[in-house]
């Protein structure tokens, strides 16, 4: 019983870690113009992997924002998009700190030029 109590106390005391930020895609038009947005929030699923194994997925909200709880360490990141251009965001890797949430914004190239 004491072992269980110690485990639960350690688990409760462990701060949450993970990532949050926004995902944008662009360009959304062939020619960018002054006072007209050249990118837009991306409504995608981000897929976080380690050693080739999918660890977690998160869907972005309508405004392109996301928040995901992940263990500390390094991850590769991709989207679930079927489009070859929109599959790999920049950056394509993310490192979760040992304490707290880290902000990482991702950009997805649409291939429009």
Protein backbone atom coordinates (compact mmCIF):
# COMPACT_ATOMS: atom_id res chain seq x y z
CA UNK A 1 0.00 0.00 0.00
CA UNK A 2 2.84 2.39 0.83
CA UNK A 3 4.41 1.70 -2.57
CA UNK A 4 1.15 2.57 -4.32
CA UNK A 5 0.86 5.82 -2.33
CA UNK A 6 4.45 6.77 -3.23
CA UNK A 7 3.78 6.04 -6.90
CA UNK A 8 0.60 8.12 -6.94
CA UNK A 9 2.31 11.01 -5.15
CA UNK A 10 5.12 11.01 -7.72
CA UNK A 11 2.62 10.82 -10.59
CA UNK A 12 0.54 13.72 -9.25
CA UNK A 13 3.65 15.82 -8.58
CA UNK A 14 4.98 15.31 -12.11
CA UNK A 15 4.27 18.47 -14.12
CA UNK A 16 2.56 18.10 -17.47
CA UNK A 17 4.81 18.43 -20.51
CA UNK A 18 4.04 18.87 -24.17
CA UNK A 19 3.67 21.28 -27.04
CA UNK A 20 1.27 23.99 -28.17
CA UNK A 21 1.16 26.55 -30.95
CA UNK A 22 -0.39 27.14 -34.34
CA UNK A 23 -0.20 25.54 -37.76
CA UNK A 24 -0.46 27.69 -40.89
CA UNK A 25 -0.43 26.69 -44.54
CA UNK A 26 0.61 28.81 -47.46
CA UNK A 27 0.86 30.33 -49.82
CA UNK A 28 -2.87 30.11 -50.39
CA UNK A 29 -2.78 32.15 -53.60
CA UNK A 30 -0.31 32.12 -56.51
CA UNK A 31 0.55 35.78 -55.94
CA UNK A 32 0.76 37.37 -52.49
CA UNK A 33 -0.56 40.92 -52.26
CA UNK A 34 -0.19 43.67 -49.69
CA UNK A 35 -3.06 43.67 -47.14
CA UNK A 36 -4.23 40.20 -48.27
CA UNK A 37 -3.18 37.20 -46.17
CA UNK A 38 -0.80 34.87 -47.98
CA UNK A 39 -1.31 32.03 -45.52
CA UNK A 40 -4.20 30.61 -43.51
CA UNK A 41 -4.74 28.46 -40.44
CA UNK A 42 -4.34 24.78 -41.27
CA UNK A 43 -7.01 22.31 -40.22
CA UNK A 44 -4.92 19.11 -40.10
CA UNK A 45 -3.87 16.30 -37.83
CA UNK A 46 -0.30 16.48 -36.56
CA UNK A 47 1.33 13.08 -36.06
CA UNK A 48 4.21 12.81 -33.55
CA UNK A 49 6.59 9.84 -33.88
CA UNK A 50 9.69 8.42 -32.24
CA UNK A 51 11.94 5.81 -33.84
CA UNK A 52 9.40 5.37 -36.64
CA UNK A 53 6.54 4.60 -34.25
CA UNK A 54 3.51 6.89 -33.96
CA UNK A 55 3.25 8.15 -30.39
CA UNK A 56 0.40 10.68 -30.56
CA UNK A 57 -1.90 12.66 -32.83
CA UNK A 58 -3.63 15.99 -32.38
CA UNK A 59 -6.21 17.77 -34.56
CA UNK A 60 -5.82 21.51 -34.99
CA UNK A 61 -8.75 23.76 -34.18
CA UNK A 62 -10.39 26.02 -36.78
CA UNK A 63 -7.88 28.78 -35.96
CA UNK A 64 -4.95 26.41 -36.54
CA UNK A 65 -4.08 26.09 -32.86
CA UNK A 66 -3.16 22.86 -31.13
CA UNK A 67 -2.08 21.61 -27.70
CA UNK A 68 -0.78 18.13 -26.95
CA UNK A 69 0.61 16.44 -23.88
CA UNK A 70 3.81 14.53 -24.67
CA UNK A 71 6.63 13.05 -22.64
CA UNK A 72 9.96 14.91 -22.76
CA UNK A 73 12.17 14.06 -25.73
CA UNK A 74 12.52 14.51 -29.47
CA UNK A 75 9.81 13.73 -32.01
CA UNK A 76 9.44 13.79 -35.77
CA UNK A 77 6.32 15.57 -36.97
CA UNK A 78 4.16 15.08 -40.06
CA UNK A 79 0.55 15.65 -41.01
CA UNK A 80 -2.08 13.17 -42.13
CA UNK A 81 -2.49 15.06 -45.43
CA UNK A 82 -2.70 13.06 -48.65
CA UNK A 83 -0.95 15.89 -50.52
CA UNK A 84 2.79 15.31 -50.86
CA UNK A 85 3.44 19.04 -50.43
CA UNK A 86 1.41 19.35 -47.24
CA UNK A 87 2.68 16.21 -45.50
CA UNK A 88 5.84 17.62 -43.88
CA UNK A 89 5.58 20.79 -41.77
CA UNK A 90 8.48 23.06 -40.97
CA UNK A 91 10.01 22.41 -38.56
CA UNK A 92 9.69 18.66 -39.02
CA UNK A 93 11.06 17.84 -35.58
CA UNK A 94 10.10 19.00 -32.10
CA UNK A 95 11.71 18.65 -28.70
CA UNK A 96 9.58 18.54 -25.57
CA UNK A 97 11.27 20.04 -22.51
CA UNK A 98 11.48 18.24 -19.17
CA UNK A 99 9.16 20.78 -17.54
CA UNK A 100 6.07 22.53 -18.89
CA UNK A 101 4.72 23.15 -22.36
CA UNK A 102 6.84 24.51 -25.21
CA UNK A 103 5.45 26.68 -28.01
CA UNK A 104 6.23 25.50 -31.53
CA UNK A 105 4.46 26.95 -34.56
CA UNK A 106 4.42 24.83 -37.70
CA UNK A 107 4.21 26.03 -41.31
CA UNK A 108 3.02 23.87 -44.17
CA UNK A 109 4.11 24.64 -47.74
CA UNK A 110 1.16 24.21 -50.12
CA UNK A 111 3.36 24.07 -53.21
CA UNK A 112 1.45 26.95 -54.85
CA UNK A 113 3.83 29.16 -56.77
